[in-house]
Amino acid sequence: MRNLTGWAHWTRFKNLMLVMFGLWLAFFFVVNSFAKALERIVVPGLELPLSLYMPIQAAVIVFAITLFWLARVTREARLSVVEAKRRR
């Protein structure tokens, strides 16, 4: 028989991952919708169009933020499962 608190944890984790995936897709489409307007501007020194440089930098920042957020939420959920087990 499955542990119900552990099962609830995995259900919450799955929902969190689906939300993060949806936000990531929305971010991707929003950034790429502005790419055509930024195509003519070139980043000095790198000689890359701004439409390429900005999404790369933004993706790295958003990825780092979501990793830290996911780690915090997962840790909080794991701690709540451990507390539930201790109360029994």
Foldseek 3Di string as FASTA:
>chain_A
DDDVLVVVLVVVLVVLVVVLVVVVVVVVVVLLVCLVVQQVDADPPVRHGPSVVVVVVVVVVSVVVVVVVSVVVSVVSVVVSVVVVVVD
